Amino acid sequence: MYPIDALTAAAVLKEYTVTDRGTWLSTPKNVTDLLVRYNEGKDEDENDPLLNPAFFLSSSHSCPHNKYVADRFLNWTISDEGQAAIASYTRPNSTDILYTRAPTGDLVIKNCSIPAL
């Protein structure tokens, strides 16, 4: 099932669920009107249990030019300009802001890798 299906099922079955803001905003109003939000993460504290972190992913097999472009984009996303763009992004034809700035701690680029399963 998709996240909207999970919200619809929770509404119809009067159950609890956890979802992200984008899914909540994408779900029809007749479904969200049947639900009560008990808690909502604000993405202001990196220790918030409801923080919905994002990850920047690129292929480990990228050609040098694509890696260069990806690295420039990543550096832009953690810059003040990039964070301002992220924090002001809204859904089309709406005033609903989808994302918040990253928590105020230092934004750093980490080279993480996950071993093949």
PDB file of N, CA and C in Angstrom:
ATOM      1  N   MET A   1       0.829  -1.184   0.000  1.00  0.00           N
ATOM      2  CA  MET A   1       0.000   0.000   0.000  1.00  0.00           C
ATOM      3  C   MET A   1       0.880   1.256   0.000  1.00  0.00           C
ATOM      4  N   TYR A   2       0.315   2.327  -0.462  1.00  0.00           N
ATOM      5  CA  TYR A   2       0.988   3.614  -0.474  1.00  0.00           C
ATOM      6  C   TYR A   2       0.643   4.382   0.809  1.00  0.00           C
ATOM      7  N   PRO A   3       1.433   5.405   1.173  1.00  0.00           N
ATOM      8  CA  PRO A   3       1.156   6.155   2.398  1.00  0.00           C
ATOM      9  C   PRO A   3      -0.258   6.736   2.469  1.00  0.00           C
ATOM     10  N   ILE A   4      -0.791   7.227   1.346  1.00  0.00           N
ATOM     11  CA  ILE A   4      -2.154   7.766   1.369  1.00  0.00           C
ATOM     12  C   ILE A   4      -3.153   6.653   1.670  1.00  0.00           C
ATOM     13  N   ASP A   5      -2.893   5.448   1.174  1.00  0.00           N
ATOM     14  CA  ASP A   5      -3.759   4.316   1.483  1.00  0.00           C
ATOM     15  C   ASP A   5      -3.739   4.010   2.980  1.00  0.00           C
ATOM     16  N   ALA A   6      -2.567   4.138   3.603  1.00  0.00           N
ATOM     17  CA  ALA A   6      -2.453   3.892   5.047  1.00  0.00           C
ATOM     18  C   ALA A   6      -3.253   4.934   5.827  1.00  0.00           C
ATOM     19  N   LEU A   7      -3.182   6.201   5.413  1.00  0.00           N
ATOM     20  CA  LEU A   7      -3.976   7.236   6.086  1.00  0.00           C
ATOM     21  C   LEU A   7      -5.467   6.991   5.898  1.00  0.00           C
ATOM     22  N   THR A   8      -5.862   6.600   4.702  1.00  0.00           N
ATOM     23  CA  THR A   8      -7.275   6.312   4.436  1.00  0.00           C
ATOM     24  C   THR A   8      -7.753   5.154   5.297  1.00  0.00           C
ATOM     25  N   ALA A   9      -6.948   4.099   5.374  1.00  0.00           N
ATOM     26  CA  ALA A   9      -7.314   2.947   6.218  1.00  0.00           C
ATOM     27  C   ALA A   9      -7.421   3.354   7.678  1.00  0.00           C
ATOM     28  N   ALA A  10      -6.482   4.160   8.173  1.00  0.00           N
ATOM     29  CA  ALA A  10      -6.527   4.610   9.565  1.00  0.00           C
ATOM     30  C   ALA A  10      -7.793   5.428   9.823  1.00  0.00           C
ATOM     31  N   ALA A  11      -8.170   6.257   8.869  1.00  0.00           N
ATOM     32  CA  ALA A  11      -9.377   7.071   9.026  1.00  0.00           C
ATOM     33  C   ALA A  11     -10.623   6.198   9.067  1.00  0.00           C
ATOM     34  N   VAL A  12     -10.728   5.277   8.135  1.00  0.00           N
ATOM     35  CA  VAL A  12     -11.911   4.422   8.039  1.00  0.00           C
ATOM     36  C   VAL A  12     -12.008   3.449   9.214  1.00  0.00           C
ATOM     37  N   LEU A  13     -10.868   2.885   9.616  1.00  0.00           N
ATOM     38  CA  LEU A  13     -10.846   1.882  10.680  1.00  0.00           C
ATOM     39  C   LEU A  13     -10.675   2.486  12.075  1.00  0.00           C
ATOM     40  N   LYS A  14     -10.566   3.816  12.143  1.00  0.00           N
ATOM     41  CA  LYS A  14     -10.378   4.529  13.415  1.00  0.00           C
ATOM     42  C   LYS A  14      -9.137   4.018  14.151  1.00  0.00           C
ATOM     43  N   GLU A  15      -8.047   3.970  13.403  1.00  0.00           N
ATOM     44  CA  GLU A  15      -6.775   3.490  13.940  1.00  0.00           C
ATOM     45  C   GLU A  15      -5.772   4.634  14.000  1.00  0.00           C
ATOM     46  N   TYR A  16      -4.592   4.313  14.558  1.00  0.00           N
ATOM     47  CA  TYR A  16      -3.479   5.250  14.627  1.00  0.00           C
ATOM     48  C   TYR A  16      -2.499   4.935  13.507  1.00  0.00           C
ATOM     49  N   THR A  17      -1.776   5.954  13.084  1.00  0.00           N
ATOM     50  CA  THR A  17      -0.708   5.754  12.114  1.00  0.00           C
ATOM     51  C   THR A  17       0.283   6.910  12.234  1.00  0.00           C
ATOM     52  N   VAL A  18       1.403   6.766  11.579  1.00  0.00           N
ATOM     53  CA  VAL A  18       2.409   7.820  11.502  1.00  0.00           C
ATOM     54  C   VAL A  18       2.609   8.112  10.018  1.00  0.00           C
ATOM     55  N   THR A  19       2.716   9.384   9.686  1.00  0.00           N
ATOM     56  CA  THR A  19       2.919   9.745   8.291  1.00  0.00           C
ATOM     57  C   THR A  19       3.800  10.986   8.206  1.00  0.00           C
ATOM     58  N   ASP A  20       4.192  11.331   7.011  1.00  0.00           N
ATOM     59  CA  ASP A  20       5.003  12.532   6.802  1.00  0.00           C
ATOM     60  C   ASP A  20       4.107  13.671   6.316  1.00  0.00           C
ATOM     61  N   ARG A  21       4.618  14.877   6.412  1.00  0.00           N
ATOM     62  CA  ARG A  21       3.836  16.065   6.065  1.00  0.00           C
ATOM     63  C   ARG A  21       3.384  16.061   4.612  1.00  0.00           C
ATOM     64  N   GLY A  22       4.242  15.650   3.714  1.00  0.00           N
ATOM     65  CA  GLY A  22       3.876  15.630   2.297  1.00  0.00           C
ATOM     66  C   GLY A  22       2.687  14.718   2.031  1.00  0.00           C
ATOM     67  N   THR A  23       2.685  13.557   2.677  1.00  0.00           N
ATOM     68  CA  THR A  23       1.554  12.635   2.512  1.00  0.00           C
ATOM     69  C   THR A  23       0.291  13.250   3.098  1.00  0.00           C
ATOM     70  N   TRP A  24       0.414  13.851   4.291  1.00  0.00           N
ATOM     71  CA  TRP A  24      -0.750  14.491   4.922  1.00  0.00           C
ATOM     72  C   TRP A  24      -1.345  15.547   3.984  1.00  0.00           C
ATOM     73  N   LEU A  25      -0.493  16.394   3.421  1.00  0.00           N
ATOM     74  CA  LEU A  25      -0.978  17.466   2.555  1.00  0.00           C
ATOM     75  C   LEU A  25      -1.515  16.949   1.223  1.00  0.00           C
ATOM     76  N   SER A  26      -1.091  15.765   0.816  1.00  0.00           N
ATOM     77  CA  SER A  26      -1.544  15.186  -0.452  1.00  0.00           C
ATOM     78  C   SER A  26      -2.817  14.361  -0.300  1.00  0.00           C
ATOM     79  N   THR A  27      -3.202  14.088   0.907  1.00  0.00           N
ATOM     80  CA  THR A  27      -4.374  13.254   1.164  1.00  0.00           C
ATOM     81  C   THR A  27      -5.638  14.103   1.071  1.00  0.00           C
ATOM     82  N   PRO A  28      -6.670  13.571   0.437  1.00  0.00           N
ATOM     83  CA  PRO A  28      -7.908  14.351   0.307  1.00  0.00           C
ATOM     84  C   PRO A  28      -8.456  14.807   1.662  1.00  0.00           C
ATOM     85  N   LYS A  29      -9.040  16.000   1.677  1.00  0.00           N
ATOM     86  CA  LYS A  29      -9.560  16.605   2.900  1.00  0.00           C
ATOM     87  C   LYS A  29     -10.633  15.734   3.557  1.00  0.00           C
ATOM     88  N   ASN A  30     -11.442  15.042   2.759  1.00  0.00           N
ATOM     89  CA  ASN A  30     -12.487  14.206   3.356  1.00  0.00           C
ATOM     90  C   ASN A  30     -11.890  13.056   4.179  1.00  0.00           C
ATOM     91  N   VAL A  31     -10.628  12.700   3.915  1.00  0.00           N
ATOM     92  CA  VAL A  31      -9.938  11.678   4.716  1.00  0.00           C
ATOM     93  C   VAL A  31      -9.286  12.330   5.935  1.00  0.00           C
ATOM     94  N   THR A  32      -8.542  13.433   5.730  1.00  0.00           N
ATOM     95  CA  THR A  32      -7.852  14.057   6.864  1.00  0.00           C
ATOM     96  C   THR A  32      -8.833  14.640   7.878  1.00  0.00           C
ATOM     97  N   ASP A  33     -10.036  14.993   7.440  1.00  0.00           N
ATOM     98  CA  ASP A  33     -11.043  15.486   8.380  1.00  0.00           C
ATOM     99  C   ASP A  33     -11.473  14.405   9.376  1.00  0.00           C
ATOM    100  N   LEU A  34     -11.236  13.142   9.054  1.00  0.00           N
ATOM    101  CA  LEU A  34     -11.591  12.033   9.944  1.00  0.00           C
ATOM    102  C   LEU A  34     -10.470  11.705  10.932  1.00  0.00           C
ATOM    103  N   LEU A  35      -9.348  12.401  10.830  1.00  0.00           N
ATOM    104  CA  LEU A  35      -8.177  12.101  11.651  1.00  0.00           C
ATOM    105  C   LEU A  35      -7.830  13.260  12.574  1.00  0.00           C
ATOM    106  N   VAL A  36      -7.168  12.945  13.670  1.00  0.00           N
ATOM    107  CA  VAL A  36      -6.706  13.951  14.616  1.00  0.00           C
ATOM    108  C   VAL A  36      -5.194  13.848  14.694  1.00  0.00           C
ATOM    109  N   ARG A  37      -4.492  14.970  14.519  1.00  0.00           N
ATOM    110  CA  ARG A  37      -3.040  14.973  14.676  1.00  0.00           C
ATOM    111  C   ARG A  37      -2.728  15.139  16.163  1.00  0.00           C
ATOM    112  N   TYR A  38      -2.048  14.162  16.720  1.00  0.00           N
ATOM    113  CA  TYR A  38      -1.688  14.210  18.131  1.00  0.00           C
ATOM    114  C   TYR A  38      -0.347  14.885  18.363  1.00  0.00           C
ATOM    115  N   ASN A  39       0.530  14.791  17.425  1.00  0.00           N
ATOM    116  CA  ASN A  39       1.846  15.396  17.560  1.00  0.00           C
ATOM    117  C   ASN A  39       2.376  15.646  16.160  1.00  0.00           C
ATOM    118  N   GLU A  40       3.164  16.694  16.029  1.00  0.00           N
ATOM    119  CA  GLU A  40       3.726  17.030  14.727  1.00  0.00           C
ATOM    120  C   GLU A  40       5.153  17.492  14.928  1.00  0.00           C
ATOM    121  N   GLY A  41       6.080  16.856  14.225  1.00  0.00           N
ATOM    122  CA  GLY A  41       7.467  17.281  14.289  1.00  0.00           C
ATOM    123  C   GLY A  41       7.639  18.631  13.627  1.00  0.00           C
ATOM    124  N   LYS A  42       8.543  19.410  14.133  1.00  0.00           N
ATOM    125  CA  LYS A  42       8.788  20.747  13.576  1.00  0.00           C
ATOM    126  C   LYS A  42      10.149  20.846  12.908  1.00  0.00           C
ATOM    127  N   ASP A  43      10.936  19.794  12.928  1.00  0.00           N
ATOM    128  CA  ASP A  43      12.255  19.780  12.291  1.00  0.00           C
ATOM    129  C   ASP A  43      13.166  20.891  12.795  1.00  0.00           C
ATOM    130  N   GLU A  44      12.973  21.324  14.044  1.00  0.00           N
ATOM    131  CA  GLU A  44      13.811  22.373  14.607  1.00  0.00           C
ATOM    132  C   GLU A  44      14.899  21.816  15.515  1.00  0.00           C
ATOM    133  N   ASP A  45      14.762  20.583  15.910  1.00  0.00           N
ATOM    134  CA  ASP A  45      15.693  19.971  16.850  1.00  0.00           C
ATOM    135  C   ASP A  45      16.132  18.628  16.278  1.00  0.00           C
ATOM    136  N   GLU A  46      17.420  18.456  16.099  1.00  0.00           N
ATOM    137  CA  GLU A  46      17.895  17.199  15.498  1.00  0.00           C
ATOM    138  C   GLU A  46      17.590  15.987  16.363  1.00  0.00           C
ATOM    139  N   ASN A  47      17.191  16.197  17.617  1.00  0.00           N
ATOM    140  CA  ASN A  47      16.816  15.088  18.502  1.00  0.00           C
ATOM    141  C   ASN A  47      15.312  14.873  18.558  1.00  0.00           C
ATOM    142  N   ASP A  48      14.535  15.641  17.795  1.00  0.00           N
ATOM    143  CA  ASP A  48      13.082  15.482  17.758  1.00  0.00           C
ATOM    144  C   ASP A  48      12.759  14.082  17.244  1.00  0.00           C
ATOM    145  N   PRO A  49      11.991  13.299  18.008  1.00  0.00           N
ATOM    146  CA  PRO A  49      11.690  11.934  17.554  1.00  0.00           C
ATOM    147  C   PRO A  49      10.860  11.908  16.272  1.00  0.00           C
ATOM    148  N   LEU A  50      10.246  13.017  15.901  1.00  0.00           N
ATOM    149  CA  LEU A  50       9.458  13.074  14.674  1.00  0.00           C
ATOM    150  C   LEU A  50      10.187  13.804  13.545  1.00  0.00           C
ATOM    151  N   LEU A  51      11.470  14.054  13.720  1.00  0.00           N
ATOM    152  CA  LEU A  51      12.257  14.666  12.655  1.00  0.00           C
ATOM    153  C   LEU A  51      12.225  13.753  11.436  1.00  0.00           C
ATOM    154  N   ASN A  52      11.974  14.324  10.300  1.00  0.00           N
ATOM    155  CA  ASN A  52      11.914  13.557   9.061  1.00  0.00           C
ATOM    156  C   ASN A  52      13.122  13.937   8.208  1.00  0.00           C
ATOM    157  N   PRO A  53      14.273  13.322   8.488  1.00  0.00           N
ATOM    158  CA  PRO A  53      15.478  13.735   7.768  1.00  0.00           C
ATOM    159  C   PRO A  53      15.447  13.342   6.293  1.00  0.00           C
ATOM    160  N   ALA A  54      16.202  14.081   5.534  1.00  0.00           N
ATOM    161  CA  ALA A  54      16.343  13.782   4.114  1.00  0.00           C
ATOM    162  C   ALA A  54      17.783  13.355   3.856  1.00  0.00           C
ATOM    163  N   PHE A  55      17.958  12.568   2.839  1.00  0.00           N
ATOM    164  CA  PHE A  55      19.293  12.096   2.477  1.00  0.00           C
ATOM    165  C   PHE A  55      19.559  12.457   1.024  1.00  0.00           C
ATOM    166  N   PHE A  56      20.750  12.887   0.751  1.00  0.00           N
ATOM    167  CA  PHE A  56      21.168  13.197  -0.607  1.00  0.00           C
ATOM    168  C   PHE A  56      21.876  11.963  -1.131  1.00  0.00           C
ATOM    169  N   LEU A  57      21.363  11.391  -2.179  1.00  0.00           N
ATOM    170  CA  LEU A  57      21.914  10.143  -2.702  1.00  0.00           C
ATOM    171  C   LEU A  57      22.422  10.332  -4.121  1.00  0.00           C
ATOM    172  N   SER A  58      23.522   9.689  -4.400  1.00  0.00           N
ATOM    173  CA  SER A  58      23.999   9.632  -5.780  1.00  0.00           C
ATOM    174  C   SER A  58      24.675   8.284  -5.977  1.00  0.00           C
ATOM    175  N   SER A  59      24.745   7.884  -7.197  1.00  0.00           N
ATOM    176  CA  SER A  59      25.308   6.577  -7.508  1.00  0.00           C
ATOM    177  C   SER A  59      26.809   6.537  -7.245  1.00  0.00           C
ATOM    178  N   SER A  60      27.273   5.430  -6.738  1.00  0.00           N
ATOM    179  CA  SER A  60      28.714   5.269  -6.543  1.00  0.00           C
ATOM    180  C   SER A  60      29.416   5.019  -7.882  1.00  0.00           C
ATOM    181  N   HIS A  61      28.638   4.882  -8.939  1.00  0.00           N
ATOM    182  CA  HIS A  61      29.205   4.634 -10.266  1.00  0.00           C
ATOM    183  C   HIS A  61      29.050   5.843 -11.191  1.00  0.00           C
ATOM    184  N   SER A  62      28.858   7.034 -10.596  1.00  0.00           N
ATOM    185  CA  SER A  62      28.686   8.241 -11.405  1.00  0.00           C
ATOM    186  C   SER A  62      29.977   8.582 -12.144  1.00  0.00           C
ATOM    187  N   CYS A  63      29.806   9.119 -13.351  1.00  0.00           N
ATOM    188  CA  CYS A  63      30.971   9.597 -14.085  1.00  0.00           C
ATOM    189  C   CYS A  63      31.463  10.873 -13.399  1.00  0.00           C
ATOM    190  N   PRO A  64      32.717  11.269 -13.616  1.00  0.00           N
ATOM    191  CA  PRO A  64      33.275  12.445 -12.933  1.00  0.00           C
ATOM    192  C   PRO A  64      32.440  13.715 -13.104  1.00  0.00           C
ATOM    193  N   HIS A  65      31.910  13.960 -14.309  1.00  0.00           N
ATOM    194  CA  HIS A  65      31.121  15.177 -14.524  1.00  0.00           C
ATOM    195  C   HIS A  65      29.844  15.141 -13.678  1.00  0.00           C
ATOM    196  N   ASN A  66      29.129  14.013 -13.669  1.00  0.00           N
ATOM    197  CA  ASN A  66      27.901  13.918 -12.888  1.00  0.00           C
ATOM    198  C   ASN A  66      28.186  14.051 -11.394  1.00  0.00           C
ATOM    199  N   LYS A  67      29.302  13.484 -10.936  1.00  0.00           N
ATOM    200  CA  LYS A  67      29.666  13.613  -9.528  1.00  0.00           C
ATOM    201  C   LYS A  67      29.948  15.077  -9.202  1.00  0.00           C
ATOM    202  N   TYR A  68      30.605  15.783 -10.088  1.00  0.00           N
ATOM    203  CA  TYR A  68      30.888  17.208  -9.893  1.00  0.00           C
ATOM    204  C   TYR A  68      29.577  17.995  -9.758  1.00  0.00           C
ATOM    205  N   VAL A  69      28.623  17.739 -10.656  1.00  0.00           N
ATOM    206  CA  VAL A  69      27.332  18.431 -10.615  1.00  0.00           C
ATOM    207  C   VAL A  69      26.596  18.078  -9.327  1.00  0.00           C
ATOM    208  N   ALA A  70      26.591  16.813  -8.939  1.00  0.00           N
ATOM    209  CA  ALA A  70      25.925  16.385  -7.706  1.00  0.00           C
ATOM    210  C   ALA A  70      26.565  17.043  -6.486  1.00  0.00           C
ATOM    211  N   ASP A  71      27.877  17.116  -6.455  1.00  0.00           N
ATOM    212  CA  ASP A  71      28.575  17.748  -5.327  1.00  0.00           C
ATOM    213  C   ASP A  71      28.233  19.238  -5.242  1.00  0.00           C
ATOM    214  N   ARG A  72      28.155  19.912  -6.370  1.00  0.00           N
ATOM    215  CA  ARG A  72      27.794  21.344  -6.364  1.00  0.00           C
ATOM    216  C   ARG A  72      26.377  21.530  -5.860  1.00  0.00           C
ATOM    217  N   PHE A  73      25.467  20.644  -6.296  1.00  0.00           N
ATOM    218  CA  PHE A  73      24.079  20.747  -5.843  1.00  0.00           C
ATOM    219  C   PHE A  73      23.992  20.490  -4.337  1.00  0.00           C
ATOM    220  N   LEU A  74      24.703  19.498  -3.853  1.00  0.00           N
ATOM    221  CA  LEU A  74      24.707  19.199  -2.425  1.00  0.00           C
ATOM    222  C   LEU A  74      25.222  20.396  -1.630  1.00  0.00           C
ATOM    223  N   ASN A  75      26.321  20.983  -2.060  1.00  0.00           N
ATOM    224  CA  ASN A  75      26.856  22.157  -1.367  1.00  0.00           C
ATOM    225  C   ASN A  75      25.856  23.315  -1.377  1.00  0.00           C
ATOM    226  N   TRP A  76      25.103  23.480  -2.475  1.00  0.00           N
ATOM    227  CA  TRP A  76      24.086  24.516  -2.530  1.00  0.00           C
ATOM    228  C   TRP A  76      22.963  24.222  -1.534  1.00  0.00           C
ATOM    229  N   THR A  77      22.533  22.958  -1.419  1.00  0.00           N
ATOM    230  CA  THR A  77      21.412  22.642  -0.529  1.00  0.00           C
ATOM    231  C   THR A  77      21.723  22.958   0.924  1.00  0.00           C
ATOM    232  N   ILE A  78      22.979  22.875   1.338  1.00  0.00           N
ATOM    233  CA  ILE A  78      23.294  23.166   2.736  1.00  0.00           C
ATOM    234  C   ILE A  78      23.741  24.614   2.943  1.00  0.00           C
ATOM    235  N   SER A  79      23.795  25.388   1.853  1.00  0.00           N
ATOM    236  CA  SER A  79      24.144  26.816   1.978  1.00  0.00           C
ATOM    237  C   SER A  79      22.931  27.590   2.497  1.00  0.00           C
ATOM    238  N   ASP A  80      23.142  28.821   2.936  1.00  0.00           N
ATOM    239  CA  ASP A  80      22.022  29.667   3.376  1.00  0.00           C
ATOM    240  C   ASP A  80      21.000  29.850   2.259  1.00  0.00           C
ATOM    241  N   GLU A  81      21.492  30.048   1.034  1.00  0.00           N
ATOM    242  CA  GLU A  81      20.595  30.226  -0.110  1.00  0.00           C
ATOM    243  C   GLU A  81      19.758  28.968  -0.345  1.00  0.00           C
ATOM    244  N   GLY A  82      20.393  27.817  -0.320  1.00  0.00           N
ATOM    245  CA  GLY A  82      19.679  26.562  -0.531  1.00  0.00           C
ATOM    246  C   GLY A  82      18.670  26.290   0.574  1.00  0.00           C
ATOM    247  N   GLN A  83      19.068  26.521   1.822  1.00  0.00           N
ATOM    248  CA  GLN A  83      18.153  26.310   2.944  1.00  0.00           C
ATOM    249  C   GLN A  83      16.958  27.262   2.867  1.00  0.00           C
ATOM    250  N   ALA A  84      17.179  28.494   2.426  1.00  0.00           N
ATOM    251  CA  ALA A  84      16.072  29.444   2.262  1.00  0.00           C
ATOM    252  C   ALA A  84      15.112  28.961   1.178  1.00  0.00           C
ATOM    253  N   ALA A  85      15.643  28.429   0.080  1.00  0.00           N
ATOM    254  CA  ALA A  85      14.791  27.912  -0.993  1.00  0.00           C
ATOM    255  C   ALA A  85      13.972  26.723  -0.493  1.00  0.00           C
ATOM    256  N   ILE A  86      14.600  25.846   0.261  1.00  0.00           N
ATOM    257  CA  ILE A  86      13.906  24.675   0.801  1.00  0.00           C
ATOM    258  C   ILE A  86      12.796  25.114   1.752  1.00  0.00           C
ATOM    259  N   ALA A  87      13.097  26.059   2.625  1.00  0.00           N
ATOM    260  CA  ALA A  87      12.136  26.501   3.641  1.00  0.00           C
ATOM    261  C   ALA A  87      10.966  27.280   3.053  1.00  0.00           C
ATOM    262  N   SER A  88      11.097  27.798   1.845  1.00  0.00           N
ATOM    263  CA  SER A  88      10.003  28.572   1.249  1.00  0.00           C
ATOM    264  C   SER A  88       9.253  27.789   0.168  1.00  0.00           C
ATOM    265  N   TYR A  89       9.607  26.531  -0.025  1.00  0.00           N
ATOM    266  CA  TYR A  89       8.970  25.726  -1.079  1.00  0.00           C
ATOM    267  C   TYR A  89       7.536  25.366  -0.686  1.00  0.00           C
ATOM    268  N   THR A  90       6.590  25.622  -1.568  1.00  0.00           N
ATOM    269  CA  THR A  90       5.192  25.289  -1.315  1.00  0.00           C
ATOM    270  C   THR A  90       4.655  24.381  -2.410  1.00  0.00           C
ATOM    271  N   ARG A  91       3.551  23.753  -2.100  1.00  0.00           N
ATOM    272  CA  ARG A  91       2.862  22.965  -3.117  1.00  0.00           C
ATOM    273  C   ARG A  91       2.336  23.911  -4.188  1.00  0.00           C
ATOM    274  N   PRO A  92       2.233  23.449  -5.431  1.00  0.00           N
ATOM    275  CA  PRO A  92       1.668  24.303  -6.481  1.00  0.00           C
ATOM    276  C   PRO A  92       0.255  24.762  -6.100  1.00  0.00           C
ATOM    277  N   ASN A  93      -0.033  26.018  -6.352  1.00  0.00           N
ATOM    278  CA  ASN A  93      -1.352  26.598  -6.078  1.00  0.00           C
ATOM    279  C   ASN A  93      -1.754  26.490  -4.612  1.00  0.00           C
ATOM    280  N   SER A  94      -0.798  26.612  -3.714  1.00  0.00           N
ATOM    281  CA  SER A  94      -1.072  26.468  -2.295  1.00  0.00           C
ATOM    282  C   SER A  94      -0.101  27.327  -1.495  1.00  0.00           C
ATOM    283  N   THR A  95      -0.444  27.561  -0.251  1.00  0.00           N
ATOM    284  CA  THR A  95       0.473  28.245   0.652  1.00  0.00           C
ATOM    285  C   THR A  95       1.067  27.266   1.661  1.00  0.00           C
ATOM    286  N   ASP A  96       0.753  25.971   1.529  1.00  0.00           N
ATOM    287  CA  ASP A  96       1.280  24.961   2.440  1.00  0.00           C
ATOM    288  C   ASP A  96       2.772  24.780   2.201  1.00  0.00           C
ATOM    289  N   ILE A  97       3.569  25.103   3.200  1.00  0.00           N
ATOM    290  CA  ILE A  97       5.017  24.919   3.098  1.00  0.00           C
ATOM    291  C   ILE A  97       5.321  23.455   3.383  1.00  0.00           C
ATOM    292  N   LEU A  98       6.081  22.831   2.508  1.00  0.00           N
ATOM    293  CA  LEU A  98       6.346  21.398   2.631  1.00  0.00           C
ATOM    294  C   LEU A  98       7.539  21.067   3.509  1.00  0.00           C
ATOM    295  N   TYR A  99       8.539  21.918   3.548  1.00  0.00           N
ATOM    296  CA  TYR A  99       9.776  21.579   4.238  1.00  0.00           C
ATOM    297  C   TYR A  99      10.195  22.704   5.179  1.00  0.00           C
ATOM    298  N   THR A 100      11.001  22.355   6.146  1.00  0.00           N
ATOM    299  CA  THR A 100      11.600  23.358   7.018  1.00  0.00           C
ATOM    300  C   THR A 100      13.104  23.345   6.778  1.00  0.00           C
ATOM    301  N   ARG A 101      13.757  24.368   7.281  1.00  0.00           N
ATOM    302  CA  ARG A 101      15.222  24.386   7.215  1.00  0.00           C
ATOM    303  C   ARG A 101      15.745  23.205   8.018  1.00  0.00           C
ATOM    304  N   ALA A 102      16.951  22.817   7.759  1.00  0.00           N
ATOM    305  CA  ALA A 102      17.593  21.789   8.562  1.00  0.00           C
ATOM    306  C   ALA A 102      17.769  22.316   9.980  1.00  0.00           C
ATOM    307  N   PRO A 103      17.831  21.435  10.978  1.00  0.00           N
ATOM    308  CA  PRO A 103      18.076  21.918  12.346  1.00  0.00           C
ATOM    309  C   PRO A 103      19.282  22.844  12.376  1.00  0.00           C
ATOM    310  N   THR A 104      19.315  23.734  13.345  1.00  0.00           N
ATOM    311  CA  THR A 104      20.310  24.801  13.359  1.00  0.00           C
ATOM    312  C   THR A 104      21.734  24.344  13.611  1.00  0.00           C
ATOM    313  N   GLY A 105      21.945  23.086  13.942  1.00  0.00           N
ATOM    314  CA  GLY A 105      23.308  22.591  14.135  1.00  0.00           C
ATOM    315  C   GLY A 105      24.103  22.704  12.843  1.00  0.00           C
ATOM    316  N   ASP A 106      25.383  22.472  12.935  1.00  0.00           N
ATOM    317  CA  ASP A 106      26.225  22.556  11.750  1.00  0.00           C
ATOM    318  C   ASP A 106      25.781  21.548  10.693  1.00  0.00           C
ATOM    319  N   LEU A 107      25.596  22.029   9.474  1.00  0.00           N
ATOM    320  CA  LEU A 107      25.279  21.147   8.367  1.00  0.00           C
ATOM    321  C   LEU A 107      26.596  20.681   7.779  1.00  0.00           C
ATOM    322  N   VAL A 108      26.756  19.407   7.693  1.00  0.00           N
ATOM    323  CA  VAL A 108      28.002  18.864   7.172  1.00  0.00           C
ATOM    324  C   VAL A 108      27.708  17.816   6.120  1.00  0.00           C
ATOM    325  N   ILE A 109      28.644  17.650   5.257  1.00  0.00           N
ATOM    326  CA  ILE A 109      28.558  16.611   4.242  1.00  0.00           C
ATOM    327  C   ILE A 109      29.317  15.408   4.773  1.00  0.00           C
ATOM    328  N   LYS A 110      28.616  14.299   4.846  1.00  0.00           N
ATOM    329  CA  LYS A 110      29.248  13.061   5.301  1.00  0.00           C
ATOM    330  C   LYS A 110      29.275  12.093   4.142  1.00  0.00           C
ATOM    331  N   ASN A 111      30.371  11.438   3.964  1.00  0.00           N
ATOM    332  CA  ASN A 111      30.457  10.431   2.926  1.00  0.00           C
ATOM    333  C   ASN A 111      30.100   9.090   3.553  1.00  0.00           C
ATOM    334  N   CYS A 112      28.855   8.731   3.408  1.00  0.00           N
ATOM    335  CA  CYS A 112      28.379   7.477   4.008  1.00  0.00           C
ATOM    336  C   CYS A 112      28.245   6.431   2.910  1.00  0.00           C
ATOM    337  N   SER A 113      28.471   5.217   3.256  1.00  0.00           N
ATOM    338  CA  SER A 113      28.236   4.147   2.306  1.00  0.00           C
ATOM    339  C   SER A 113      27.604   2.985   3.051  1.00  0.00           C
ATOM    340  N   ILE A 114      26.745   2.302   2.344  1.00  0.00           N
ATOM    341  CA  ILE A 114      26.073   1.134   2.909  1.00  0.00           C
ATOM    342  C   ILE A 114      26.586  -0.063   2.132  1.00  0.00           C
ATOM    343  N   PRO A 115      27.100  -1.058   2.832  1.00  0.00           N
ATOM    344  CA  PRO A 115      27.604  -2.217   2.101  1.00  0.00           C
ATOM    345  C   PRO A 115      26.501  -2.932   1.348  1.00  0.00           C
ATOM    346  N   ALA A 116      26.839  -3.494   0.245  1.00  0.00           N
ATOM    347  CA  ALA A 116      25.858  -4.241  -0.550  1.00  0.00           C
ATOM    348  C   ALA A 116      25.279  -5.382   0.292  1.00  0.00           C
ATOM    349  N   LEU A 117      23.997  -5.578   0.114  1.00  0.00           N
ATOM    350  CA  LEU A 117      23.321  -6.641   0.880  1.00  0.00           C
ATOM    351  C   LEU A 117      23.522  -7.995   0.230  1.00  0.00           C
TER     352      LEU A 117
END
